[in-house]
Amino acid sequence: MKSLKLAIVAAGLMTVSATASAFSTAPCKACHAIDHDVVGPAWKRVAEKYGSADALAKVFKDGFKVEDRKIASTEPKFKAQAATMTGMFNTYIKGHEDDAAKALFAAVKSGKM
């Protein structure tokens, strides 16, 4: 019985920990919006191009190379911003690739960043 209680407490701590470390899209708002292009492309467009959080996370995990970016590699106005986005990637996304991709798709679904 004591080990069951410890397992329940441990599961609760893991849940709190996962919630506390959730990826925040707050810094992304400086350059992105859900439904219209700003400095960076609209997240709806990004979601449409990649189709899934897993596909976007793979690009993040592979180093976020410009040639792998489906919008920046084909649209000059965003290709010109690629170096800035690489810096933001290194600061905010690197090490959180799966969470960042899931957060983008969740924001598109909810309509809120």
PDB file of N, CA and C in Angstrom:
ATOM      1  N   MET A   1       0.823  -1.191   0.000  1.00  0.00           N
ATOM      2  CA  MET A   1       0.000   0.000   0.000  1.00  0.00           C
ATOM      3  C   MET A   1       0.874   1.265   0.000  1.00  0.00           C
ATOM      4  N   LYS A   2       1.951   1.223   0.781  1.00  0.00           N
ATOM      5  CA  LYS A   2       2.856   2.372   0.859  1.00  0.00           C
ATOM      6  C   LYS A   2       3.494   2.648  -0.508  1.00  0.00           C
ATOM      7  N   SER A   3       3.897   1.587  -1.237  1.00  0.00           N
ATOM      8  CA  SER A   3       4.514   1.782  -2.551  1.00  0.00           C
ATOM      9  C   SER A   3       3.511   2.328  -3.562  1.00  0.00           C
ATOM     10  N   LEU A   4       2.242   1.959  -3.422  1.00  0.00           N
ATOM     11  CA  LEU A   4       1.205   2.500  -4.302  1.00  0.00           C
ATOM     12  C   LEU A   4       1.049   4.001  -4.065  1.00  0.00           C
ATOM     13  N   LYS A   5       1.049   4.421  -2.814  1.00  0.00           N
ATOM     14  CA  LYS A   5       0.952   5.847  -2.490  1.00  0.00           C
ATOM     15  C   LYS A   5       2.144   6.617  -3.056  1.00  0.00           C
ATOM     16  N   LEU A   6       3.334   6.041  -2.929  1.00  0.00           N
ATOM     17  CA  LEU A   6       4.527   6.687  -3.470  1.00  0.00           C
ATOM     18  C   LEU A   6       4.438   6.806  -4.990  1.00  0.00           C
ATOM     19  N   ALA A   7       3.921   5.789  -5.650  1.00  0.00           N
ATOM     20  CA  ALA A   7       3.774   5.828  -7.107  1.00  0.00           C
ATOM     21  C   ALA A   7       2.789   6.913  -7.517  1.00  0.00           C
ATOM     22  N   ILE A   8       1.713   7.052  -6.770  1.00  0.00           N
ATOM     23  CA  ILE A   8       0.713   8.093  -7.082  1.00  0.00           C
ATOM     24  C   ILE A   8       1.315   9.476  -6.880  1.00  0.00           C
ATOM     25  N   VAL A   9       2.051   9.670  -5.788  1.00  0.00           N
ATOM     26  CA  VAL A   9       2.712  10.950  -5.534  1.00  0.00           C
ATOM     27  C   VAL A   9       3.732  11.241  -6.626  1.00  0.00           C
ATOM     28  N   ALA A  10       4.525  10.245  -7.002  1.00  0.00           N
ATOM     29  CA  ALA A  10       5.528  10.435  -8.052  1.00  0.00           C
ATOM     30  C   ALA A  10       4.866  10.799  -9.369  1.00  0.00           C
ATOM     31  N   ALA A  11       3.761  10.156  -9.705  1.00  0.00           N
ATOM     32  CA  ALA A  11       3.037  10.475 -10.942  1.00  0.00           C
ATOM     33  C   ALA A  11       2.530  11.909 -10.898  1.00  0.00           C
ATOM     34  N   GLY A  12       2.052  12.338  -9.744  1.00  0.00           N
ATOM     35  CA  GLY A  12       1.578  13.710  -9.595  1.00  0.00           C
ATOM     36  C   GLY A  12       2.691  14.717  -9.778  1.00  0.00           C
ATOM     37  N   LEU A  13       3.872  14.418  -9.237  1.00  0.00           N
ATOM     38  CA  LEU A  13       5.019  15.308  -9.389  1.00  0.00           C
ATOM     39  C   LEU A  13       5.465  15.388 -10.842  1.00  0.00           C
ATOM     40  N   MET A  14       5.416  14.266 -11.549  1.00  0.00           N
ATOM     41  CA  MET A  14       5.796  14.274 -12.962  1.00  0.00           C
ATOM     42  C   MET A  14       4.816  15.119 -13.759  1.00  0.00           C
ATOM     43  N   THR A  15       3.538  15.057 -13.422  1.00  0.00           N
ATOM     44  CA  THR A  15       2.540  15.860 -14.122  1.00  0.00           C
ATOM     45  C   THR A  15       2.791  17.345 -13.874  1.00  0.00           C
ATOM     46  N   VAL A  16       3.048  17.714 -12.637  1.00  0.00           N
ATOM     47  CA  VAL A  16       3.330  19.112 -12.316  1.00  0.00           C
ATOM     48  C   VAL A  16       4.586  19.563 -13.044  1.00  0.00           C
ATOM     49  N   SER A  17       5.601  18.738 -13.046  1.00  0.00           N
ATOM     50  CA  SER A  17       6.850  19.083 -13.700  1.00  0.00           C
ATOM     51  C   SER A  17       6.651  19.287 -15.195  1.00  0.00           C
ATOM     52  N   ALA A  18       5.898  18.403 -15.837  1.00  0.00           N
ATOM     53  CA  ALA A  18       5.652  18.531 -17.273  1.00  0.00           C
ATOM     54  C   ALA A  18       4.884  19.806 -17.572  1.00  0.00           C
ATOM     55  N   THR A  19       3.937  20.137 -16.737  1.00  0.00           N
ATOM     56  CA  THR A  19       3.157  21.358 -16.946  1.00  0.00           C
ATOM     57  C   THR A  19       4.037  22.587 -16.757  1.00  0.00           C
ATOM     58  N   ALA A  20       4.883  22.572 -15.745  1.00  0.00           N
ATOM     59  CA  ALA A  20       5.736  23.721 -15.455  1.00  0.00           C
ATOM     60  C   ALA A  20       6.734  23.970 -16.576  1.00  0.00           C
ATOM     61  N   SER A  21       7.112  22.924 -17.315  1.00  0.00           N
ATOM     62  CA  SER A  21       8.116  23.106 -18.354  1.00  0.00           C
ATOM     63  C   SER A  21       7.492  23.225 -19.748  1.00  0.00           C
ATOM     64  N   ALA A  22       6.184  23.435 -19.805  1.00  0.00           N
ATOM     65  CA  ALA A  22       5.518  23.541 -21.097  1.00  0.00           C
ATOM     66  C   ALA A  22       6.121  24.696 -21.910  1.00  0.00           C
ATOM     67  N   PHE A  23       6.202  24.492 -23.207  1.00  0.00           N
ATOM     68  CA  PHE A  23       6.776  25.494 -24.095  1.00  0.00           C
ATOM     69  C   PHE A  23       5.856  26.708 -24.171  1.00  0.00           C
ATOM     70  N   SER A  24       6.410  27.880 -24.058  1.00  0.00           N
ATOM     71  CA  SER A  24       5.643  29.115 -24.171  1.00  0.00           C
ATOM     72  C   SER A  24       5.816  29.724 -25.560  1.00  0.00           C
ATOM     73  N   THR A  25       4.714  30.069 -26.182  1.00  0.00           N
ATOM     74  CA  THR A  25       4.770  30.718 -27.491  1.00  0.00           C
ATOM     75  C   THR A  25       4.867  32.244 -27.367  1.00  0.00           C
ATOM     76  N   ALA A  26       4.932  32.756 -26.156  1.00  0.00           N
ATOM     77  CA  ALA A  26       4.954  34.209 -25.953  1.00  0.00           C
ATOM     78  C   ALA A  26       6.029  34.926 -26.774  1.00  0.00           C
ATOM     79  N   PRO A  27       7.283  34.458 -26.792  1.00  0.00           N
ATOM     80  CA  PRO A  27       8.293  35.174 -27.580  1.00  0.00           C
ATOM     81  C   PRO A  27       8.009  35.144 -29.090  1.00  0.00           C
ATOM     82  N   CYS A  28       7.277  34.143 -29.525  1.00  0.00           N
ATOM     83  CA  CYS A  28       6.997  33.977 -30.955  1.00  0.00           C
ATOM     84  C   CYS A  28       6.089  35.091 -31.493  1.00  0.00           C
ATOM     85  N   LYS A  29       5.292  35.671 -30.603  1.00  0.00           N
ATOM     86  CA  LYS A  29       4.330  36.707 -31.007  1.00  0.00           C
ATOM     87  C   LYS A  29       5.007  37.943 -31.600  1.00  0.00           C
ATOM     88  N   ALA A  30       6.273  38.141 -31.305  1.00  0.00           N
ATOM     89  CA  ALA A  30       6.988  39.304 -31.835  1.00  0.00           C
ATOM     90  C   ALA A  30       7.073  39.249 -33.361  1.00  0.00           C
ATOM     91  N   CYS A  31       7.105  38.049 -33.928  1.00  0.00           N
ATOM     92  CA  CYS A  31       7.288  37.907 -35.374  1.00  0.00           C
ATOM     93  C   CYS A  31       6.191  37.109 -36.080  1.00  0.00           C
ATOM     94  N   HIS A  32       5.348  36.428 -35.327  1.00  0.00           N
ATOM     95  CA  HIS A  32       4.335  35.572 -35.934  1.00  0.00           C
ATOM     96  C   HIS A  32       2.946  35.889 -35.401  1.00  0.00           C
ATOM     97  N   ALA A  33       1.953  35.622 -36.221  1.00  0.00           N
ATOM     98  CA  ALA A  33       0.545  35.658 -35.836  1.00  0.00           C
ATOM     99  C   ALA A  33      -0.076  34.349 -36.320  1.00  0.00           C
ATOM    100  N   ILE A  34      -1.242  34.053 -35.838  1.00  0.00           N
ATOM    101  CA  ILE A  34      -1.912  32.816 -36.247  1.00  0.00           C
ATOM    102  C   ILE A  34      -2.345  32.883 -37.705  1.00  0.00           C
ATOM    103  N   ASP A  35      -3.021  33.977 -38.070  1.00  0.00           N
ATOM    104  CA  ASP A  35      -3.723  33.987 -39.362  1.00  0.00           C
ATOM    105  C   ASP A  35      -3.227  34.994 -40.397  1.00  0.00           C
ATOM    106  N   HIS A  36      -2.141  35.673 -40.111  1.00  0.00           N
ATOM    107  CA  HIS A  36      -1.588  36.583 -41.124  1.00  0.00           C
ATOM    108  C   HIS A  36      -0.067  36.686 -40.960  1.00  0.00           C
ATOM    109  N   ASP A  37       0.583  36.934 -42.086  1.00  0.00           N
ATOM    110  CA  ASP A  37       2.039  37.082 -42.079  1.00  0.00           C
ATOM    111  C   ASP A  37       2.425  38.367 -41.361  1.00  0.00           C
ATOM    112  N   VAL A  38       3.497  38.303 -40.619  1.00  0.00           N
ATOM    113  CA  VAL A  38       4.068  39.476 -39.964  1.00  0.00           C
ATOM    114  C   VAL A  38       5.525  39.486 -40.436  1.00  0.00           C
ATOM    115  N   VAL A  39       6.482  39.525 -39.549  1.00  0.00           N
ATOM    116  CA  VAL A  39       7.884  39.386 -39.921  1.00  0.00           C
ATOM    117  C   VAL A  39       8.118  37.950 -40.394  1.00  0.00           C
ATOM    118  N   GLY A  40       7.465  37.010 -39.721  1.00  0.00           N
ATOM    119  CA  GLY A  40       7.500  35.597 -40.099  1.00  0.00           C
ATOM    120  C   GLY A  40       6.152  35.186 -40.653  1.00  0.00           C
ATOM    121  N   PRO A  41       6.088  34.007 -41.248  1.00  0.00           N
ATOM    122  CA  PRO A  41       4.831  33.549 -41.842  1.00  0.00           C
ATOM    123  C   PRO A  41       3.762  33.231 -40.796  1.00  0.00           C
ATOM    124  N   ALA A  42       2.517  33.346 -41.210  1.00  0.00           N
ATOM    125  CA  ALA A  42       1.389  32.988 -40.344  1.00  0.00           C
ATOM    126  C   ALA A  42       1.517  31.525 -39.940  1.00  0.00           C
ATOM    127  N   TRP A  43       1.194  31.251 -38.690  1.00  0.00           N
ATOM    128  CA  TRP A  43       1.300  29.880 -38.220  1.00  0.00           C
ATOM    129  C   TRP A  43       0.333  28.946 -38.930  1.00  0.00           C
ATOM    130  N   LYS A  44      -0.809  29.465 -39.384  1.00  0.00           N
ATOM    131  CA  LYS A  44      -1.726  28.614 -40.157  1.00  0.00           C
ATOM    132  C   LYS A  44      -1.029  28.117 -41.416  1.00  0.00           C
ATOM    133  N   ARG A  45      -0.283  28.985 -42.051  1.00  0.00           N
ATOM    134  CA  ARG A  45       0.465  28.590 -43.254  1.00  0.00           C
ATOM    135  C   ARG A  45       1.521  27.554 -42.917  1.00  0.00           C
ATOM    136  N   VAL A  46       2.231  27.757 -41.818  1.00  0.00           N
ATOM    137  CA  VAL A  46       3.258  26.806 -41.401  1.00  0.00           C
ATOM    138  C   VAL A  46       2.618  25.437 -41.145  1.00  0.00           C
ATOM    139  N   ALA A  47       1.510  25.427 -40.409  1.00  0.00           N
ATOM    140  CA  ALA A  47       0.825  24.173 -40.108  1.00  0.00           C
ATOM    141  C   ALA A  47       0.369  23.470 -41.385  1.00  0.00           C
ATOM    142  N   GLU A  48      -0.155  24.240 -42.337  1.00  0.00           N
ATOM    143  CA  GLU A  48      -0.594  23.650 -43.608  1.00  0.00           C
ATOM    144  C   GLU A  48       0.579  23.047 -44.375  1.00  0.00           C
ATOM    145  N   LYS A  49       1.709  23.734 -44.388  1.00  0.00           N
ATOM    146  CA  LYS A  49       2.883  23.251 -45.135  1.00  0.00           C
ATOM    147  C   LYS A  49       3.456  21.965 -44.548  1.00  0.00           C
ATOM    148  N   TYR A  50       3.478  21.856 -43.210  1.00  0.00           N
ATOM    149  CA  TYR A  50       4.083  20.687 -42.572  1.00  0.00           C
ATOM    150  C   TYR A  50       3.076  19.565 -42.319  1.00  0.00           C
ATOM    151  N   GLY A  51       1.829  19.908 -42.085  1.00  0.00           N
ATOM    152  CA  GLY A  51       0.787  18.902 -41.922  1.00  0.00           C
ATOM    153  C   GLY A  51       0.674  18.268 -40.554  1.00  0.00           C
ATOM    154  N   SER A  52       1.763  18.233 -39.799  1.00  0.00           N
ATOM    155  CA  SER A  52       1.705  17.637 -38.453  1.00  0.00           C
ATOM    156  C   SER A  52       2.819  18.205 -37.583  1.00  0.00           C
ATOM    157  N   ALA A  53       2.584  18.133 -36.286  1.00  0.00           N
ATOM    158  CA  ALA A  53       3.609  18.578 -35.340  1.00  0.00           C
ATOM    159  C   ALA A  53       4.861  17.716 -35.460  1.00  0.00           C
ATOM    160  N   ASP A  54       4.682  16.434 -35.738  1.00  0.00           N
ATOM    161  CA  ASP A  54       5.846  15.546 -35.871  1.00  0.00           C
ATOM    162  C   ASP A  54       6.734  15.957 -37.043  1.00  0.00           C
ATOM    163  N   ALA A  55       6.115  16.332 -38.161  1.00  0.00           N
ATOM    164  CA  ALA A  55       6.892  16.749 -39.340  1.00  0.00           C
ATOM    165  C   ALA A  55       7.662  18.042 -39.058  1.00  0.00           C
ATOM    166  N   LEU A  56       7.019  18.990 -38.376  1.00  0.00           N
ATOM    167  CA  LEU A  56       7.699  20.237 -38.023  1.00  0.00           C
ATOM    168  C   LEU A  56       8.798  19.978 -36.996  1.00  0.00           C
ATOM    169  N   ALA A  57       8.527  19.131 -36.017  1.00  0.00           N
ATOM    170  CA  ALA A  57       9.532  18.807 -35.004  1.00  0.00           C
ATOM    171  C   ALA A  57      10.768  18.181 -35.652  1.00  0.00           C
ATOM    172  N   LYS A  58      10.572  17.385 -36.688  1.00  0.00           N
ATOM    173  CA  LYS A  58      11.709  16.777 -37.379  1.00  0.00           C
ATOM    174  C   LYS A  58      12.615  17.846 -37.986  1.00  0.00           C
ATOM    175  N   VAL A  59      12.027  18.880 -38.582  1.00  0.00           N
ATOM    176  CA  VAL A  59      12.823  19.980 -39.139  1.00  0.00           C
ATOM    177  C   VAL A  59      13.592  20.677 -38.014  1.00  0.00           C
ATOM    178  N   PHE A  60      12.918  20.903 -36.891  1.00  0.00           N
ATOM    179  CA  PHE A  60      13.601  21.498 -35.739  1.00  0.00           C
ATOM    180  C   PHE A  60      14.759  20.609 -35.286  1.00  0.00           C
ATOM    181  N   LYS A  61      14.507  19.315 -35.145  1.00  0.00           N
ATOM    182  CA  LYS A  61      15.533  18.384 -34.655  1.00  0.00           C
ATOM    183  C   LYS A  61      16.698  18.242 -35.624  1.00  0.00           C
ATOM    184  N   ASP A  62      16.427  18.427 -36.909  1.00  0.00           N
ATOM    185  CA  ASP A  62      17.484  18.321 -37.921  1.00  0.00           C
ATOM    186  C   ASP A  62      18.308  19.603 -38.031  1.00  0.00           C
ATOM    187  N   GLY A  63      18.061  20.570 -37.149  1.00  0.00           N
ATOM    188  CA  GLY A  63      18.869  21.781 -37.101  1.00  0.00           C
ATOM    189  C   GLY A  63      18.241  23.010 -37.717  1.00  0.00           C
ATOM    190  N   PHE A  64      16.991  22.893 -38.198  1.00  0.00           N
ATOM    191  CA  PHE A  64      16.240  24.038 -38.710  1.00  0.00           C
ATOM    192  C   PHE A  64      16.980  24.719 -39.859  1.00  0.00           C
ATOM    193  N   LYS A  65      17.530  23.890 -40.753  1.00  0.00           N
ATOM    194  CA  LYS A  65      18.258  24.405 -41.917  1.00  0.00           C
ATOM    195  C   LYS A  65      17.296  25.138 -42.852  1.00  0.00           C
ATOM    196  N   VAL A  66      17.718  26.228 -43.422  1.00  0.00           N
ATOM    197  CA  VAL A  66      16.865  27.037 -44.298  1.00  0.00           C
ATOM    198  C   VAL A  66      16.283  26.189 -45.429  1.00  0.00           C
ATOM    199  N   GLU A  67      17.094  25.324 -46.012  1.00  0.00           N
ATOM    200  CA  GLU A  67      16.600  24.522 -47.140  1.00  0.00           C
ATOM    201  C   GLU A  67      15.505  23.537 -46.729  1.00  0.00           C
ATOM    202  N   ASP A  68      15.380  23.253 -45.427  1.00  0.00           N
ATOM    203  CA  ASP A  68      14.326  22.361 -44.936  1.00  0.00           C
ATOM    204  C   ASP A  68      13.048  23.119 -44.557  1.00  0.00           C
ATOM    205  N   ARG A  69      13.134  24.430 -44.508  1.00  0.00           N
ATOM    206  CA  ARG A  69      11.976  25.239 -44.128  1.00  0.00           C
ATOM    207  C   ARG A  69      11.092  25.440 -45.354  1.00  0.00           C
ATOM    208  N   LYS A  70       9.891  24.965 -45.291  1.00  0.00           N
ATOM    209  CA  LYS A  70       9.013  24.935 -46.461  1.00  0.00           C
ATOM    210  C   LYS A  70       8.551  26.310 -46.925  1.00  0.00           C
ATOM    211  N   ILE A  71       8.579  27.301 -46.072  1.00  0.00           N
ATOM    212  CA  ILE A  71       8.190  28.653 -46.485  1.00  0.00           C
ATOM    213  C   ILE A  71       9.433  29.503 -46.718  1.00  0.00           C
ATOM    214  N   ALA A  72      10.335  29.523 -45.761  1.00  0.00           N
ATOM    215  CA  ALA A  72      11.531  30.365 -45.885  1.00  0.00           C
ATOM    216  C   ALA A  72      12.413  29.970 -47.062  1.00  0.00           C
ATOM    217  N   SER A  73      12.388  28.704 -47.432  1.00  0.00           N
ATOM    218  CA  SER A  73      13.249  28.278 -48.539  1.00  0.00           C
ATOM    219  C   SER A  73      12.675  28.659 -49.902  1.00  0.00           C
ATOM    220  N   THR A  74      11.395  29.020 -49.943  1.00  0.00           N
ATOM    221  CA  THR A  74      10.758  29.309 -51.232  1.00  0.00           C
ATOM    222  C   THR A  74      10.266  30.746 -51.390  1.00  0.00           C
ATOM    223  N   GLU A  75      10.168  31.488 -50.315  1.00  0.00           N
ATOM    224  CA  GLU A  75       9.650  32.853 -50.386  1.00  0.00           C
ATOM    225  C   GLU A  75      10.734  33.846 -49.966  1.00  0.00           C
ATOM    226  N   PRO A  76      11.193  34.666 -50.912  1.00  0.00           N
ATOM    227  CA  PRO A  76      12.303  35.585 -50.639  1.00  0.00           C
ATOM    228  C   PRO A  76      12.120  36.467 -49.402  1.00  0.00           C
ATOM    229  N   LYS A  77      10.909  36.970 -49.156  1.00  0.00           N
ATOM    230  CA  LYS A  77      10.746  37.870 -48.007  1.00  0.00           C
ATOM    231  C   LYS A  77      11.000  37.158 -46.681  1.00  0.00           C
ATOM    232  N   PHE A  78      10.737  35.845 -46.630  1.00  0.00           N
ATOM    233  CA  PHE A  78      11.010  35.106 -45.406  1.00  0.00           C
ATOM    234  C   PHE A  78      12.417  34.532 -45.401  1.00  0.00           C
ATOM    235  N   LYS A  79      12.953  34.239 -46.565  1.00  0.00           N
ATOM    236  CA  LYS A  79      14.327  33.770 -46.640  1.00  0.00           C
ATOM    237  C   LYS A  79      15.267  34.849 -46.104  1.00  0.00           C
ATOM    238  N   ALA A  80      14.924  36.116 -46.354  1.00  0.00           N
ATOM    239  CA  ALA A  80      15.729  37.230 -45.855  1.00  0.00           C
ATOM    240  C   ALA A  80      15.724  37.298 -44.330  1.00  0.00           C
ATOM    241  N   GLN A  81      14.711  36.741 -43.706  1.00  0.00           N
ATOM    242  CA  GLN A  81      14.599  36.739 -42.241  1.00  0.00           C
ATOM    243  C   GLN A  81      15.153  35.457 -41.617  1.00  0.00           C
ATOM    244  N   ALA A  82      15.672  34.558 -42.447  1.00  0.00           N
ATOM    245  CA  ALA A  82      16.094  33.233 -41.974  1.00  0.00           C
ATOM    246  C   ALA A  82      17.144  33.304 -40.865  1.00  0.00           C
ATOM    247  N   ALA A  83      18.090  34.199 -40.969  1.00  0.00           N
ATOM    248  CA  ALA A  83      19.138  34.294 -39.940  1.00  0.00           C
ATOM    249  C   ALA A  83      18.544  34.713 -38.595  1.00  0.00           C
ATOM    250  N   THR A  84      17.598  35.641 -38.624  1.00  0.00           N
ATOM    251  CA  THR A  84      16.930  36.067 -37.390  1.00  0.00           C
ATOM    252  C   THR A  84      16.189  34.893 -36.769  1.00  0.00           C
ATOM    253  N   MET A  85      15.452  34.152 -37.600  1.00  0.00           N
ATOM    254  CA  MET A  85      14.701  33.021 -37.072  1.00  0.00           C
ATOM    255  C   MET A  85      15.628  31.933 -36.551  1.00  0.00           C
ATOM    256  N   THR A  86      16.775  31.744 -37.167  1.00  0.00           N
ATOM    257  CA  THR A  86      17.743  30.764 -36.669  1.00  0.00           C
ATOM    258  C   THR A  86      18.199  31.156 -35.266  1.00  0.00           C
ATOM    259  N   GLY A  87      18.427  32.440 -35.048  1.00  0.00           N
ATOM    260  CA  GLY A  87      18.793  32.916 -33.715  1.00  0.00           C
ATOM    261  C   GLY A  87      17.701  32.661 -32.699  1.00  0.00           C
ATOM    262  N   MET A  88      16.459  32.911 -33.093  1.00  0.00           N
ATOM    263  CA  MET A  88      15.327  32.662 -32.196  1.00  0.00           C
ATOM    264  C   MET A  88      15.182  31.166 -31.926  1.00  0.00           C
ATOM    265  N   PHE A  89      15.390  30.357 -32.961  1.00  0.00           N
ATOM    266  CA  PHE A  89      15.358  28.906 -32.804  1.00  0.00           C
ATOM    267  C   PHE A  89      16.373  28.469 -31.755  1.00  0.00           C
ATOM    268  N   ASN A  90      17.607  28.963 -31.886  1.00  0.00           N
ATOM    269  CA  ASN A  90      18.663  28.582 -30.946  1.00  0.00           C
ATOM    270  C   ASN A  90      18.355  29.027 -29.518  1.00  0.00           C
ATOM    271  N   THR A  91      17.692  30.170 -29.380  1.00  0.00           N
ATOM    272  CA  THR A  91      17.376  30.698 -28.059  1.00  0.00           C
ATOM    273  C   THR A  91      16.167  30.018 -27.424  1.00  0.00           C
ATOM    274  N   TYR A  92      15.103  29.821 -28.193  1.00  0.00           N
ATOM    275  CA  TYR A  92      13.836  29.391 -27.612  1.00  0.00           C
ATOM    276  C   TYR A  92      13.409  27.959 -27.933  1.00  0.00           C
ATOM    277  N   ILE A  93      13.765  27.436 -29.076  1.00  0.00           N
ATOM    278  CA  ILE A  93      13.222  26.148 -29.511  1.00  0.00           C
ATOM    279  C   ILE A  93      14.200  24.994 -29.307  1.00  0.00           C
ATOM    280  N   LYS A  94      15.467  25.219 -29.581  1.00  0.00           N
ATOM    281  CA  LYS A  94      16.468  24.146 -29.485  1.00  0.00           C
ATOM    282  C   LYS A  94      16.400  23.490 -28.104  1.00  0.00           C
ATOM    283  N   GLY A  95      16.267  22.180 -28.116  1.00  0.00           N
ATOM    284  CA  GLY A  95      16.106  21.433 -26.875  1.00  0.00           C
ATOM    285  C   GLY A  95      14.656  21.231 -26.483  1.00  0.00           C
ATOM    286  N   HIS A  96      13.741  21.898 -27.191  1.00  0.00           N
ATOM    287  CA  HIS A  96      12.296  21.810 -26.921  1.00  0.00           C
ATOM    288  C   HIS A  96      11.534  21.571 -28.226  1.00  0.00           C
ATOM    289  N   GLU A  97      12.157  20.883 -29.151  1.00  0.00           N
ATOM    290  CA  GLU A  97      11.630  20.757 -30.512  1.00  0.00           C
ATOM    291  C   GLU A  97      10.218  20.187 -30.562  1.00  0.00           C
ATOM    292  N   ASP A  98       9.990  19.078 -29.862  1.00  0.00           N
ATOM    293  CA  ASP A  98       8.659  18.461 -29.877  1.00  0.00           C
ATOM    294  C   ASP A  98       7.615  19.375 -29.249  1.00  0.00           C
ATOM    295  N   ASP A  99       7.957  19.951 -28.095  1.00  0.00           N
ATOM    296  CA  ASP A  99       7.014  20.838 -27.403  1.00  0.00           C
ATOM    297  C   ASP A  99       6.698  22.076 -28.237  1.00  0.00           C
ATOM    298  N   ALA A 100       7.698  22.625 -28.900  1.00  0.00           N
ATOM    299  CA  ALA A 100       7.481  23.817 -29.724  1.00  0.00           C
ATOM    300  C   ALA A 100       6.562  23.508 -30.899  1.00  0.00           C
ATOM    301  N   ALA A 101       6.794  22.394 -31.561  1.00  0.00           N
ATOM    302  CA  ALA A 101       5.951  22.016 -32.698  1.00  0.00           C
ATOM    303  C   ALA A 101       4.518  21.755 -32.248  1.00  0.00           C
ATOM    304  N   LYS A 102       4.359  21.065 -31.136  1.00  0.00           N
ATOM    305  CA  LYS A 102       3.011  20.801 -30.608  1.00  0.00           C
ATOM    306  C   LYS A 102       2.323  22.104 -30.220  1.00  0.00           C
ATOM    307  N   ALA A 103       3.076  23.032 -29.631  1.00  0.00           N
ATOM    308  CA  ALA A 103       2.504  24.321 -29.225  1.00  0.00           C
ATOM    309  C   ALA A 103       2.032  25.116 -30.434  1.00  0.00           C
ATOM    310  N   LEU A 104       2.793  25.088 -31.521  1.00  0.00           N
ATOM    311  CA  LEU A 104       2.386  25.790 -32.735  1.00  0.00           C
ATOM    312  C   LEU A 104       1.072  25.218 -33.264  1.00  0.00           C
ATOM    313  N   PHE A 105       0.988  23.908 -33.365  1.00  0.00           N
ATOM    314  CA  PHE A 105      -0.226  23.282 -33.888  1.00  0.00           C
ATOM    315  C   PHE A 105      -1.408  23.502 -32.937  1.00  0.00           C
ATOM    316  N   ALA A 106      -1.177  23.476 -31.632  1.00  0.00           N
ATOM    317  CA  ALA A 106      -2.249  23.741 -30.660  1.00  0.00           C
ATOM    318  C   ALA A 106      -2.736  25.181 -30.776  1.00  0.00           C
ATOM    319  N   ALA A 107      -1.809  26.113 -30.996  1.00  0.00           N
ATOM    320  CA  ALA A 107      -2.190  27.519 -31.144  1.00  0.00           C
ATOM    321  C   ALA A 107      -3.039  27.721 -32.398  1.00  0.00           C
ATOM    322  N   VAL A 108      -2.669  27.068 -33.474  1.00  0.00           N
ATOM    323  CA  VAL A 108      -3.443  27.175 -34.719  1.00  0.00           C
ATOM    324  C   VAL A 108      -4.844  26.617 -34.492  1.00  0.00           C
ATOM    325  N   LYS A 109      -4.916  25.477 -33.817  1.00  0.00           N
ATOM    326  CA  LYS A 109      -6.215  24.844 -33.562  1.00  0.00           C
ATOM    327  C   LYS A 109      -7.110  25.718 -32.686  1.00  0.00           C
ATOM    328  N   SER A 110      -6.509  26.333 -31.661  1.00  0.00           N
ATOM    329  CA  SER A 110      -7.298  27.155 -30.732  1.00  0.00           C
ATOM    330  C   SER A 110      -7.504  28.588 -31.246  1.00  0.00           C
ATOM    331  N   GLY A 111      -6.635  28.999 -32.178  1.00  0.00           N
ATOM    332  CA  GLY A 111      -6.708  30.374 -32.665  1.00  0.00           C
ATOM    333  C   GLY A 111      -6.049  31.367 -31.750  1.00  0.00           C
ATOM    334  N   LYS A 112      -5.285  30.879 -30.757  1.00  0.00           N
ATOM    335  CA  LYS A 112      -4.632  31.753 -29.778  1.00  0.00           C
ATOM    336  C   LYS A 112      -3.189  31.338 -29.590  1.00  0.00           C
ATOM    337  N   MET A 113      -2.313  32.342 -29.521  1.00  0.00           N
ATOM    338  CA  MET A 113      -0.890  32.079 -29.233  1.00  0.00           C
ATOM    339  C   MET A 113      -0.640  32.260 -27.756  1.00  0.00           C
TER     340      MET A 113
END
